[in-house]
Amino acid sequence: MKPIVQISLDLTDIDEALETAALAMRAGVDWLEAGTPLILAEGLHGVRKLREAFPGVPIVADLKTMDGGYLEAEMMAKAGATHVVVMARAHKETIKCVVQAGKDYGVKVMGDNLGCPDMVEGARFLEDLGCDFVIHHIGYDERRGIAAAGHRMPSPLDQLREVVKAVKVPVQAVGGLSLEQAIQCPQYGAPLVVLGAPLTIDADAFKTADGDLEASLRKICAAIHSQKISNF
């Protein structure tokens, strides 16, 4: 599998999300993500607008599903999403429902291990239940809260190699990575590279970052696409 660049549209305005998505596609981004803030603000309408504007482009709906798995996945699939996200901390029956909906509606399921006491076991759990991808994720609040308490902020890179070794499905690392760290993810065996807050999105205001985003993204995409995936 070649490296894939995904941009997380963690925005709250559909017009800004569409503008950012168009810029990202011009720069060489492969997948678009309807981030959780966008889904909360715009719902199915936001996913439909992305699909209308970008036919044929993979769209990840970051639902962070915890219950009602089949219906949520079905609704997003019908709106145009190609990938949906379910949480490892959900009941296994919810994960199974999302996986079944994925099969029924032709969408891929990404399982997110955020908040798992054992992140490696959480990744295995998701794969065993049929998830097509694993998102190895250290949460926004988790990182900031631990740092505010005076402790070292955790990083997905801490256990990324262990997670990659533990599963056969592709892995994506998310949560507090610097730009340099995100670009290095294929070297850890994780082919799905996410660019989002705070790399391309202002993490506190949830708006596009200042500067020449398109030129920066073009260089980032070239650096990621030129790599080979490390095997462990």
C-alpha atoms as a PDB file:
ATOM      1  CA  MET A   1       0.000   0.000   0.000  1.00  0.00           C
ATOM      2  CA  LYS A   2       1.326   3.428  -0.949  1.00  0.00           C
ATOM      3  CA  PRO A   3       1.140   6.334   1.531  1.00  0.00           C
ATOM      4  CA  ILE A   4      -2.181   8.172   1.527  1.00  0.00           C
ATOM      5  CA  VAL A   5      -2.651  11.779   2.627  1.00  0.00           C
ATOM      6  CA  GLN A   6      -5.914  12.643   4.342  1.00  0.00           C
ATOM      7  CA  ILE A   7      -6.896  16.172   5.367  1.00  0.00           C
ATOM      8  CA  SER A   8      -9.150  16.555   8.368  1.00  0.00           C
ATOM      9  CA  LEU A   9     -11.710  19.290   7.767  1.00  0.00           C
ATOM     10  CA  ASP A  10     -12.190  20.139  11.437  1.00  0.00           C
ATOM     11  CA  LEU A  11     -14.183  23.228  10.551  1.00  0.00           C
ATOM     12  CA  THR A  12     -17.657  24.406  11.509  1.00  0.00           C
ATOM     13  CA  ASP A  13     -18.624  26.140   8.263  1.00  0.00           C
ATOM     14  CA  ILE A  14     -19.373  24.150   5.111  1.00  0.00           C
ATOM     15  CA  ASP A  15     -18.284  26.916   2.737  1.00  0.00           C
ATOM     16  CA  GLU A  16     -14.882  27.145   4.390  1.00  0.00           C
ATOM     17  CA  ALA A  17     -14.653  23.353   4.421  1.00  0.00           C
ATOM     18  CA  LEU A  18     -15.370  23.194   0.679  1.00  0.00           C
ATOM     19  CA  GLU A  19     -12.815  25.902  -0.039  1.00  0.00           C
ATOM     20  CA  THR A  20     -10.182  24.132   2.056  1.00  0.00           C
ATOM     21  CA  ALA A  21     -11.009  20.789   0.436  1.00  0.00           C
ATOM     22  CA  ALA A  22     -10.600  22.240  -3.068  1.00  0.00           C
ATOM     23  CA  LEU A  23      -7.250  23.713  -2.112  1.00  0.00           C
ATOM     24  CA  ALA A  24      -6.173  20.387  -0.597  1.00  0.00           C
ATOM     25  CA  MET A  25      -7.130  18.418  -3.696  1.00  0.00           C
ATOM     26  CA  ARG A  26      -5.154  20.799  -5.898  1.00  0.00           C
ATOM     27  CA  ALA A  27      -2.156  20.260  -3.617  1.00  0.00           C
ATOM     28  CA  GLY A  28      -2.295  16.460  -3.958  1.00  0.00           C
ATOM     29  CA  VAL A  29      -4.300  15.288  -0.944  1.00  0.00           C
ATOM     30  CA  ASP A  30      -5.901  11.860  -1.517  1.00  0.00           C
ATOM     31  CA  TRP A  31      -8.755  11.636   1.020  1.00  0.00           C
ATOM     32  CA  LEU A  32     -11.069  14.201   2.594  1.00  0.00           C
ATOM     33  CA  GLU A  33     -12.303  13.874   6.153  1.00  0.00           C
ATOM     34  CA  ALA A  34     -15.550  15.405   7.353  1.00  0.00           C
ATOM     35  CA  GLY A  35     -14.185  16.115  10.814  1.00  0.00           C
ATOM     36  CA  THR A  36     -16.303  15.779  13.940  1.00  0.00           C
ATOM     37  CA  PRO A  37     -16.761  19.590  14.304  1.00  0.00           C
ATOM     38  CA  LEU A  38     -18.019  19.772  10.704  1.00  0.00           C
ATOM     39  CA  ILE A  39     -20.431  16.876  11.223  1.00  0.00           C
ATOM     40  CA  LEU A  40     -21.748  18.463  14.415  1.00  0.00           C
ATOM     41  CA  ALA A  41     -22.229  21.798  12.664  1.00  0.00           C
ATOM     42  CA  GLU A  42     -23.500  20.629   9.269  1.00  0.00           C
ATOM     43  CA  GLY A  43     -24.510  16.979   9.697  1.00  0.00           C
ATOM     44  CA  LEU A  44     -25.429  14.940   6.642  1.00  0.00           C
ATOM     45  CA  HIS A  45     -25.732  18.171   4.661  1.00  0.00           C
ATOM     46  CA  GLY A  46     -22.001  18.740   5.001  1.00  0.00           C
ATOM     47  CA  VAL A  47     -21.122  15.246   3.781  1.00  0.00           C
ATOM     48  CA  ARG A  48     -23.529  15.577   0.843  1.00  0.00           C
ATOM     49  CA  LYS A  49     -21.972  18.909  -0.151  1.00  0.00           C
ATOM     50  CA  LEU A  50     -18.487  17.383  -0.076  1.00  0.00           C
ATOM     51  CA  ARG A  51     -19.676  14.471  -2.192  1.00  0.00           C
ATOM     52  CA  GLU A  52     -21.339  16.772  -4.731  1.00  0.00           C
ATOM     53  CA  ALA A  53     -18.204  18.895  -5.012  1.00  0.00           C
ATOM     54  CA  PHE A  54     -15.736  15.995  -5.133  1.00  0.00           C
ATOM     55  CA  PRO A  55     -17.227  12.976  -6.901  1.00  0.00           C
ATOM     56  CA  GLY A  56     -14.982   9.946  -6.752  1.00  0.00           C
ATOM     57  CA  VAL A  57     -12.864  11.227  -3.848  1.00  0.00           C
ATOM     58  CA  PRO A  58     -12.831   9.089  -0.674  1.00  0.00           C
ATOM     59  CA  ILE A  59     -14.639  10.871   2.171  1.00  0.00           C
ATOM     60  CA  VAL A  60     -14.137   9.825   5.799  1.00  0.00           C
ATOM     61  CA  ALA A  61     -17.024  10.678   8.130  1.00  0.00           C
ATOM     62  CA  ASP A  62     -15.445  10.995  11.586  1.00  0.00           C
ATOM     63  CA  LEU A  63     -18.585  10.050  13.501  1.00  0.00           C
ATOM     64  CA  LYS A  64     -16.833   8.574  16.543  1.00  0.00           C
ATOM     65  CA  THR A  65     -19.816   6.246  16.799  1.00  0.00           C
ATOM     66  CA  MET A  66     -20.588   4.873  20.272  1.00  0.00           C
ATOM     67  CA  ASP A  67     -24.133   3.536  19.777  1.00  0.00           C
ATOM     68  CA  GLY A  68     -26.745   3.202  17.050  1.00  0.00           C
ATOM     69  CA  GLY A  69     -23.957   1.955  14.841  1.00  0.00           C
ATOM     70  CA  TYR A  70     -25.880   0.560  11.909  1.00  0.00           C
ATOM     71  CA  LEU A  71     -28.103   3.608  11.421  1.00  0.00           C
ATOM     72  CA  GLU A  72     -25.261   6.116  11.724  1.00  0.00           C
ATOM     73  CA  ALA A  73     -23.120   4.250   9.212  1.00  0.00           C
ATOM     74  CA  GLU A  74     -26.065   3.778   6.848  1.00  0.00           C
ATOM     75  CA  MET A  75     -26.966   7.483   6.941  1.00  0.00           C
ATOM     76  CA  MET A  76     -23.407   8.580   6.225  1.00  0.00           C
ATOM     77  CA  ALA A  77     -23.015   6.029   3.441  1.00  0.00           C
ATOM     78  CA  LYS A  78     -26.189   7.284   1.763  1.00  0.00           C
ATOM     79  CA  ALA A  79     -24.913  10.861   2.112  1.00  0.00           C
ATOM     80  CA  GLY A  80     -21.768   9.944   0.203  1.00  0.00           C
ATOM     81  CA  ALA A  81     -19.183   8.903   2.797  1.00  0.00           C
ATOM     82  CA  THR A  82     -16.846   6.082   1.805  1.00  0.00           C
ATOM     83  CA  HIS A  83     -15.412   5.546   5.306  1.00  0.00           C
ATOM     84  CA  VAL A  84     -16.978   5.799   8.784  1.00  0.00           C
ATOM     85  CA  VAL A  85     -15.376   5.799  12.229  1.00  0.00           C
ATOM     86  CA  VAL A  86     -16.448   3.698  15.224  1.00  0.00           C
ATOM     87  CA  MET A  87     -14.850   3.769  18.669  1.00  0.00           C
ATOM     88  CA  ALA A  88     -13.157   0.777  20.304  1.00  0.00           C
ATOM     89  CA  ARG A  89     -14.698   1.844  23.625  1.00  0.00           C
ATOM     90  CA  ALA A  90     -18.167   1.251  22.166  1.00  0.00           C
ATOM     91  CA  HIS A  91     -19.817  -2.076  22.932  1.00  0.00           C
ATOM     92  CA  LYS A  92     -18.662  -4.825  20.601  1.00  0.00           C
ATOM     93  CA  GLU A  93     -22.237  -5.147  19.303  1.00  0.00           C
ATOM     94  CA  THR A  94     -22.084  -1.536  18.100  1.00  0.00           C
ATOM     95  CA  ILE A  95     -18.822  -2.189  16.291  1.00  0.00           C
ATOM     96  CA  LYS A  96     -20.297  -5.318  14.717  1.00  0.00           C
ATOM     97  CA  CYS A  97     -23.316  -3.285  13.564  1.00  0.00           C
ATOM     98  CA  VAL A  98     -21.096  -0.661  11.922  1.00  0.00           C
ATOM     99  CA  VAL A  99     -19.075  -3.399  10.211  1.00  0.00           C
ATOM    100  CA  GLN A 100     -22.284  -4.998   8.922  1.00  0.00           C
ATOM    101  CA  ALA A 101     -23.545  -1.652   7.635  1.00  0.00           C
ATOM    102  CA  GLY A 102     -20.199  -1.184   5.927  1.00  0.00           C
ATOM    103  CA  LYS A 103     -20.655  -4.468   4.101  1.00  0.00           C
ATOM    104  CA  ASP A 104     -24.275  -3.686   3.218  1.00  0.00           C
ATOM    105  CA  TYR A 105     -23.577  -0.189   1.880  1.00  0.00           C
ATOM    106  CA  GLY A 106     -20.066  -0.562   0.511  1.00  0.00           C
ATOM    107  CA  VAL A 107     -18.230   1.665   2.992  1.00  0.00           C
ATOM    108  CA  LYS A 108     -15.026   0.934   4.875  1.00  0.00           C
ATOM    109  CA  VAL A 109     -14.917   0.966   8.667  1.00  0.00           C
ATOM    110  CA  MET A 110     -12.170   2.702  10.604  1.00  0.00           C
ATOM    111  CA  GLY A 111     -11.911   1.667  14.257  1.00  0.00           C
ATOM    112  CA  ASP A 112     -10.546   4.272  16.685  1.00  0.00           C
ATOM    113  CA  ASN A 113      -8.725   3.121  19.848  1.00  0.00           C
ATOM    114  CA  LEU A 114      -8.928   6.499  21.634  1.00  0.00           C
ATOM    115  CA  GLY A 115      -9.267   6.040  25.394  1.00  0.00           C
ATOM    116  CA  CYS A 116      -8.439   2.335  25.474  1.00  0.00           C
ATOM    117  CA  PRO A 117      -6.572   1.307  28.658  1.00  0.00           C
ATOM    118  CA  ASP A 118      -4.394  -0.898  26.418  1.00  0.00           C
ATOM    119  CA  MET A 119      -4.057   0.759  23.027  1.00  0.00           C
ATOM    120  CA  VAL A 120      -2.489  -2.291  21.359  1.00  0.00           C
ATOM    121  CA  GLU A 121      -5.218  -4.618  22.590  1.00  0.00           C
ATOM    122  CA  GLY A 122      -7.782  -2.038  21.510  1.00  0.00           C
ATOM    123  CA  ALA A 123      -6.370  -2.158  17.989  1.00  0.00           C
ATOM    124  CA  ARG A 124      -6.517  -5.979  17.952  1.00  0.00           C
ATOM    125  CA  PHE A 125     -10.103  -5.854  19.243  1.00  0.00           C
ATOM    126  CA  LEU A 126     -11.131  -3.599  16.366  1.00  0.00           C
ATOM    127  CA  GLU A 127      -9.458  -5.779  13.748  1.00  0.00           C
ATOM    128  CA  ASP A 128     -10.960  -8.952  15.213  1.00  0.00           C
ATOM    129  CA  LEU A 129     -14.442  -7.438  14.904  1.00  0.00           C
ATOM    130  CA  GLY A 130     -13.916  -6.683  11.219  1.00  0.00           C
ATOM    131  CA  CYS A 131     -12.701  -3.089  11.000  1.00  0.00           C
ATOM    132  CA  ASP A 132     -10.862  -2.327   7.769  1.00  0.00           C
ATOM    133  CA  PHE A 133      -8.494   0.238   9.328  1.00  0.00           C
ATOM    134  CA  VAL A 134      -7.236   1.119  12.810  1.00  0.00           C
ATOM    135  CA  ILE A 135      -6.920   4.717  13.978  1.00  0.00           C
ATOM    136  CA  HIS A 136      -4.343   4.896  16.764  1.00  0.00           C
ATOM    137  CA  HIS A 137      -5.518   8.039  18.526  1.00  0.00           C
ATOM    138  CA  ILE A 138      -4.468  10.128  21.529  1.00  0.00           C
ATOM    139  CA  GLY A 139      -7.340  12.532  22.227  1.00  0.00           C
ATOM    140  CA  TYR A 140      -7.247  16.329  22.217  1.00  0.00           C
ATOM    141  CA  ASP A 141      -8.579  16.693  25.781  1.00  0.00           C
ATOM    142  CA  GLU A 142      -6.411  13.836  27.011  1.00  0.00           C
ATOM    143  CA  ARG A 143      -3.217  15.412  25.686  1.00  0.00           C
ATOM    144  CA  ARG A 144      -3.998  18.883  26.976  1.00  0.00           C
ATOM    145  CA  GLY A 145      -5.198  17.692  30.376  1.00  0.00           C
ATOM    146  CA  ILE A 146      -2.116  15.578  31.015  1.00  0.00           C
ATOM    147  CA  ALA A 147       0.159  18.440  29.946  1.00  0.00           C
ATOM    148  CA  ALA A 148      -1.752  20.916  32.146  1.00  0.00           C
ATOM    149  CA  ALA A 149      -1.138  18.633  35.115  1.00  0.00           C
ATOM    150  CA  GLY A 150       2.589  18.989  34.516  1.00  0.00           C
ATOM    151  CA  HIS A 151       3.175  15.610  32.905  1.00  0.00           C
ATOM    152  CA  ARG A 152       4.642  14.692  29.535  1.00  0.00           C
ATOM    153  CA  MET A 153       2.056  14.957  26.783  1.00  0.00           C
ATOM    154  CA  PRO A 154       1.493  11.491  25.271  1.00  0.00           C
ATOM    155  CA  SER A 155       1.945  10.931  21.539  1.00  0.00           C
ATOM    156  CA  PRO A 156       0.581   8.306  19.134  1.00  0.00           C
ATOM    157  CA  LEU A 157       4.188   7.629  18.159  1.00  0.00           C
ATOM    158  CA  ASP A 158       4.853   6.194  21.638  1.00  0.00           C
ATOM    159  CA  GLN A 159       3.163   2.911  20.704  1.00  0.00           C
ATOM    160  CA  LEU A 160       2.683   3.241  16.954  1.00  0.00           C
ATOM    161  CA  ARG A 161       5.174   0.516  16.024  1.00  0.00           C
ATOM    162  CA  GLU A 162       3.540  -1.852  18.534  1.00  0.00           C
ATOM    163  CA  VAL A 163       0.092  -1.165  17.101  1.00  0.00           C
ATOM    164  CA  VAL A 164       1.313  -1.667  13.530  1.00  0.00           C
ATOM    165  CA  LYS A 165       2.895  -5.001  14.503  1.00  0.00           C
ATOM    166  CA  ALA A 166      -0.262  -6.147  16.299  1.00  0.00           C
ATOM    167  CA  VAL A 167      -2.659  -5.877  13.335  1.00  0.00           C
ATOM    168  CA  LYS A 168      -2.717  -6.710   9.649  1.00  0.00           C
ATOM    169  CA  VAL A 169      -5.014  -3.848   8.581  1.00  0.00           C
ATOM    170  CA  PRO A 170      -3.595  -0.391   7.708  1.00  0.00           C
ATOM    171  CA  VAL A 171      -3.000   1.956  10.655  1.00  0.00           C
ATOM    172  CA  GLN A 172      -3.412   5.714  10.957  1.00  0.00           C
ATOM    173  CA  ALA A 173      -1.850   7.765  13.779  1.00  0.00           C
ATOM    174  CA  VAL A 174      -3.772  10.776  15.085  1.00  0.00           C
ATOM    175  CA  GLY A 175      -3.375  13.233  17.912  1.00  0.00           C
ATOM    176  CA  GLY A 176      -0.938  16.053  18.558  1.00  0.00           C
ATOM    177  CA  LEU A 177       1.651  15.118  15.941  1.00  0.00           C
ATOM    178  CA  SER A 178       3.928  17.821  14.647  1.00  0.00           C
ATOM    179  CA  LEU A 179       4.131  18.239  10.898  1.00  0.00           C
ATOM    180  CA  GLU A 180       7.486  16.468  10.845  1.00  0.00           C
ATOM    181  CA  GLN A 181       6.091  13.573  12.885  1.00  0.00           C
ATOM    182  CA  ALA A 182       3.048  13.212  10.630  1.00  0.00           C
ATOM    183  CA  ILE A 183       5.286  13.017   7.569  1.00  0.00           C
ATOM    184  CA  GLN A 184       7.327  10.270   9.273  1.00  0.00           C
ATOM    185  CA  CYS A 185       4.337   7.992   9.918  1.00  0.00           C
ATOM    186  CA  PRO A 186       4.987   5.733   6.880  1.00  0.00           C
ATOM    187  CA  GLN A 187       8.400   4.998   8.392  1.00  0.00           C
ATOM    188  CA  TYR A 188       6.547   3.536  11.395  1.00  0.00           C
ATOM    189  CA  GLY A 189       4.529   1.312   9.061  1.00  0.00           C
ATOM    190  CA  ALA A 190       1.432   3.547   9.169  1.00  0.00           C
ATOM    191  CA  PRO A 191       0.480   4.445   5.570  1.00  0.00           C
ATOM    192  CA  LEU A 192      -2.506   6.715   6.234  1.00  0.00           C
ATOM    193  CA  VAL A 193      -1.219  10.177   7.108  1.00  0.00           C
ATOM    194  CA  VAL A 194      -3.688  12.675   8.536  1.00  0.00           C
ATOM    195  CA  LEU A 195      -3.112  16.406   8.231  1.00  0.00           C
ATOM    196  CA  GLY A 196      -5.373  18.408  10.492  1.00  0.00           C
ATOM    197  CA  ALA A 197      -5.379  20.423  13.684  1.00  0.00           C
ATOM    198  CA  PRO A 198      -3.012  21.993  14.391  1.00  0.00           C
ATOM    199  CA  LEU A 199      -1.072  21.263  11.200  1.00  0.00           C
ATOM    200  CA  THR A 200      -3.454  22.822   8.706  1.00  0.00           C
ATOM    201  CA  ILE A 201      -6.323  23.922  10.956  1.00  0.00           C
ATOM    202  CA  ASP A 202      -6.216  26.399  13.835  1.00  0.00           C
ATOM    203  CA  ALA A 203      -6.857  23.939  16.674  1.00  0.00           C
ATOM    204  CA  ASP A 204      -8.418  26.449  19.050  1.00  0.00           C
ATOM    205  CA  ALA A 205     -10.573  28.453  16.638  1.00  0.00           C
ATOM    206  CA  PHE A 206     -11.355  25.547  14.265  1.00  0.00           C
ATOM    207  CA  LYS A 207     -10.665  27.580  11.160  1.00  0.00           C
ATOM    208  CA  THR A 208      -8.095  27.238   8.407  1.00  0.00           C
ATOM    209  CA  ALA A 209      -4.541  28.078   9.402  1.00  0.00           C
ATOM    210  CA  ASP A 210      -2.946  31.297   8.231  1.00  0.00           C
ATOM    211  CA  GLY A 211      -0.275  31.365   5.523  1.00  0.00           C
ATOM    212  CA  ASP A 212       0.093  29.799   2.092  1.00  0.00           C
ATOM    213  CA  LEU A 213      -1.644  26.549   2.913  1.00  0.00           C
ATOM    214  CA  GLU A 214      -1.772  25.240  -0.642  1.00  0.00           C
ATOM    215  CA  ALA A 215       1.949  25.600  -1.271  1.00  0.00           C
ATOM    216  CA  SER A 216       2.729  24.000   2.087  1.00  0.00           C
ATOM    217  CA  LEU A 217       0.351  21.116   1.438  1.00  0.00           C
ATOM    218  CA  ARG A 218       1.875  20.481  -1.980  1.00  0.00           C
ATOM    219  CA  LYS A 219       5.336  20.055  -0.422  1.00  0.00           C
ATOM    220  CA  ILE A 220       3.943  17.891   2.390  1.00  0.00           C
ATOM    221  CA  CYS A 221       2.070  15.613  -0.023  1.00  0.00           C
ATOM    222  CA  ALA A 222       5.164  15.192  -2.179  1.00  0.00           C
ATOM    223  CA  ALA A 223       7.245  14.271   0.875  1.00  0.00           C
ATOM    224  CA  ILE A 224       4.704  11.684   2.037  1.00  0.00           C
ATOM    225  CA  HIS A 225       3.942  10.171  -1.361  1.00  0.00           C
ATOM    226  CA  SER A 226       7.648   9.643  -2.091  1.00  0.00           C
ATOM    227  CA  GLN A 227       8.103   7.295   0.880  1.00  0.00           C
ATOM    228  CA  LYS A 228       7.911   3.542   1.099  1.00  0.00           C
ATOM    229  CA  ILE A 229       5.973   1.938   3.935  1.00  0.00           C
ATOM    230  CA  SER A 230       8.278   0.346   6.497  1.00  0.00           C
ATOM    231  CA  ASN A 231       7.529  -3.261   7.442  1.00  0.00           C
ATOM    232  CA  PHE A 232       8.069  -4.577  10.935  1.00  0.00           C
END
